[in-house]
Amino acid sequence: MPITKSAIKAAKRSVKLQERNNLFKNRMKVSIKKASKVLNKGEELKKEEISKIYKYVDKCAKVWVIKKKTAARKKSNISKLFNKTNKKD
């Protein structure tokens, strides 16, 4: 248990930040999973849905829930899946 006043405040802040980080991370993960399931089935995904995923990933990177290069990798992988399934031959 924290004893000093500043340690108590730091513990409270840590819990709030953890909740916020989990919210951002879960939102990103769920949107990526939904998109990858749709794309792996061979169905098409709208560009608006892709941009929403990008928005979630960028927000996670902005608040340091994930690192910048991890965000770039996630966006690249989603983009590759999207381009592979939405080819117009």
C-alpha atoms as a PDB file:
ATOM      1  CA  MET A   1       0.000   0.000   0.000  1.00  0.00           C
ATOM      2  CA  PRO A   2       1.250   3.489  -0.816  1.00  0.00           C
ATOM      3  CA  ILE A   3       2.021   5.530   2.263  1.00  0.00           C
ATOM      4  CA  THR A   4       2.896   9.046   1.141  1.00  0.00           C
ATOM      5  CA  LYS A   5       0.351  11.395  -0.361  1.00  0.00           C
ATOM      6  CA  SER A   6       2.154  11.518  -3.703  1.00  0.00           C
ATOM      7  CA  ALA A   7       2.341   7.721  -3.858  1.00  0.00           C
ATOM      8  CA  ILE A   8      -1.410   7.489  -3.261  1.00  0.00           C
ATOM      9  CA  LYS A   9      -2.042   9.966  -6.082  1.00  0.00           C
ATOM     10  CA  ALA A  10       0.339   8.085  -8.369  1.00  0.00           C
ATOM     11  CA  ALA A  11      -1.459   4.795  -7.665  1.00  0.00           C
ATOM     12  CA  LYS A  12      -4.847   6.353  -8.487  1.00  0.00           C
ATOM     13  CA  ARG A  13      -3.459   7.876 -11.670  1.00  0.00           C
ATOM     14  CA  SER A  14      -1.920   4.571 -12.662  1.00  0.00           C
ATOM     15  CA  VAL A  15      -5.281   2.806 -12.382  1.00  0.00           C
ATOM     16  CA  LYS A  16      -7.038   5.484 -14.467  1.00  0.00           C
ATOM     17  CA  LEU A  17      -4.367   5.362 -17.160  1.00  0.00           C
ATOM     18  CA  GLN A  18      -4.506   1.571 -17.237  1.00  0.00           C
ATOM     19  CA  GLU A  19      -8.269   1.691 -17.815  1.00  0.00           C
ATOM     20  CA  ARG A  20      -7.838   4.244 -20.602  1.00  0.00           C
ATOM     21  CA  ASN A  21      -5.080   2.239 -22.254  1.00  0.00           C
ATOM     22  CA  ASN A  22      -7.139  -0.950 -22.115  1.00  0.00           C
ATOM     23  CA  LEU A  23     -10.087   0.857 -23.693  1.00  0.00           C
ATOM     24  CA  PHE A  24      -7.968   2.064 -26.613  1.00  0.00           C
ATOM     25  CA  LYS A  25      -6.230  -1.282 -27.041  1.00  0.00           C
ATOM     26  CA  ASN A  26      -9.453  -3.312 -26.949  1.00  0.00           C
ATOM     27  CA  ARG A  27     -11.140  -0.986 -29.443  1.00  0.00           C
ATOM     28  CA  MET A  28      -8.207  -1.409 -31.816  1.00  0.00           C
ATOM     29  CA  LYS A  29      -7.979  -5.188 -31.400  1.00  0.00           C
ATOM     30  CA  VAL A  30     -11.704  -5.785 -31.893  1.00  0.00           C
ATOM     31  CA  SER A  31     -11.844  -3.679 -35.046  1.00  0.00           C
ATOM     32  CA  ILE A  32      -8.793  -5.442 -36.515  1.00  0.00           C
ATOM     33  CA  LYS A  33     -10.215  -8.887 -35.687  1.00  0.00           C
ATOM     34  CA  LYS A  34     -13.582  -8.068 -37.253  1.00  0.00           C
ATOM     35  CA  ALA A  35     -11.919  -6.747 -40.398  1.00  0.00           C
ATOM     36  CA  SER A  36      -9.564  -9.699 -40.746  1.00  0.00           C
ATOM     37  CA  LYS A  37     -12.449 -12.169 -40.333  1.00  0.00           C
ATOM     38  CA  VAL A  38     -14.424 -10.416 -43.057  1.00  0.00           C
ATOM     39  CA  LEU A  39     -11.410 -10.204 -45.352  1.00  0.00           C
ATOM     40  CA  ASN A  40     -10.384 -13.839 -44.782  1.00  0.00           C
ATOM     41  CA  LYS A  41     -13.885 -14.968 -45.765  1.00  0.00           C
ATOM     42  CA  GLY A  42     -13.327 -13.223 -49.076  1.00  0.00           C
ATOM     43  CA  GLU A  43     -15.962 -10.563 -48.521  1.00  0.00           C
ATOM     44  CA  GLU A  44     -15.319  -6.938 -49.328  1.00  0.00           C
ATOM     45  CA  LEU A  45     -14.691  -4.259 -46.754  1.00  0.00           C
ATOM     46  CA  LYS A  46     -15.589  -0.607 -47.222  1.00  0.00           C
ATOM     47  CA  LYS A  47     -12.916   2.070 -47.226  1.00  0.00           C
ATOM     48  CA  GLU A  48     -14.708   3.814 -44.362  1.00  0.00           C
ATOM     49  CA  GLU A  49     -14.188   0.745 -42.175  1.00  0.00           C
ATOM     50  CA  ILE A  50     -10.500   0.643 -43.071  1.00  0.00           C
ATOM     51  CA  SER A  51     -10.130   4.324 -42.211  1.00  0.00           C
ATOM     52  CA  LYS A  52     -11.848   3.681 -38.868  1.00  0.00           C
ATOM     53  CA  ILE A  53      -9.300   0.951 -38.095  1.00  0.00           C
ATOM     54  CA  TYR A  54      -6.485   3.315 -39.059  1.00  0.00           C
ATOM     55  CA  LYS A  55      -7.968   5.921 -36.730  1.00  0.00           C
ATOM     56  CA  TYR A  56      -7.996   3.503 -33.801  1.00  0.00           C
ATOM     57  CA  VAL A  57      -4.434   2.333 -34.481  1.00  0.00           C
ATOM     58  CA  ASP A  58      -3.173   5.911 -34.826  1.00  0.00           C
ATOM     59  CA  LYS A  59      -4.854   6.925 -31.580  1.00  0.00           C
ATOM     60  CA  CYS A  60      -3.192   4.029 -29.755  1.00  0.00           C
ATOM     61  CA  ALA A  61       0.168   5.088 -31.146  1.00  0.00           C
ATOM     62  CA  LYS A  62      -0.452   8.728 -30.246  1.00  0.00           C
ATOM     63  CA  VAL A  63      -1.056   7.994 -26.576  1.00  0.00           C
ATOM     64  CA  TRP A  64       1.781   5.412 -26.471  1.00  0.00           C
ATOM     65  CA  VAL A  65      -0.394   2.354 -25.925  1.00  0.00           C
ATOM     66  CA  ILE A  66       1.579   0.831 -28.804  1.00  0.00           C
ATOM     67  CA  LYS A  67       4.778   1.999 -30.417  1.00  0.00           C
ATOM     68  CA  LYS A  68       4.844   3.960 -33.688  1.00  0.00           C
ATOM     69  CA  LYS A  69       6.398   1.181 -35.755  1.00  0.00           C
ATOM     70  CA  THR A  70       3.969  -1.369 -34.344  1.00  0.00           C
ATOM     71  CA  ALA A  71       1.140   0.881 -35.500  1.00  0.00           C
ATOM     72  CA  ALA A  72       2.701   1.133 -38.950  1.00  0.00           C
ATOM     73  CA  ARG A  73       3.035  -2.656 -39.140  1.00  0.00           C
ATOM     74  CA  LYS A  74      -0.584  -3.216 -38.124  1.00  0.00           C
ATOM     75  CA  LYS A  75      -1.820  -0.711 -40.702  1.00  0.00           C
ATOM     76  CA  SER A  76       0.367  -2.284 -43.370  1.00  0.00           C
ATOM     77  CA  ASN A  77      -0.948  -5.777 -42.664  1.00  0.00           C
ATOM     78  CA  ILE A  78      -4.568  -4.631 -42.824  1.00  0.00           C
ATOM     79  CA  SER A  79      -3.821  -2.761 -46.043  1.00  0.00           C
ATOM     80  CA  LYS A  80      -2.268  -5.869 -47.606  1.00  0.00           C
ATOM     81  CA  LEU A  81      -5.298  -7.986 -46.703  1.00  0.00           C
ATOM     82  CA  PHE A  82      -7.644  -5.299 -48.005  1.00  0.00           C
ATOM     83  CA  ASN A  83      -5.801  -4.968 -51.319  1.00  0.00           C
ATOM     84  CA  LYS A  84      -5.580  -8.745 -51.768  1.00  0.00           C
ATOM     85  CA  THR A  85      -9.315  -9.318 -51.328  1.00  0.00           C
ATOM     86  CA  ASN A  86     -10.475  -6.214 -53.197  1.00  0.00           C
ATOM     87  CA  LYS A  87      -8.527  -6.822 -56.415  1.00  0.00           C
ATOM     88  CA  LYS A  88     -10.488  -5.916 -59.499  1.00  0.00           C
ATOM     89  CA  ASP A  89      -9.374  -8.476 -62.123  1.00  0.00           C
END
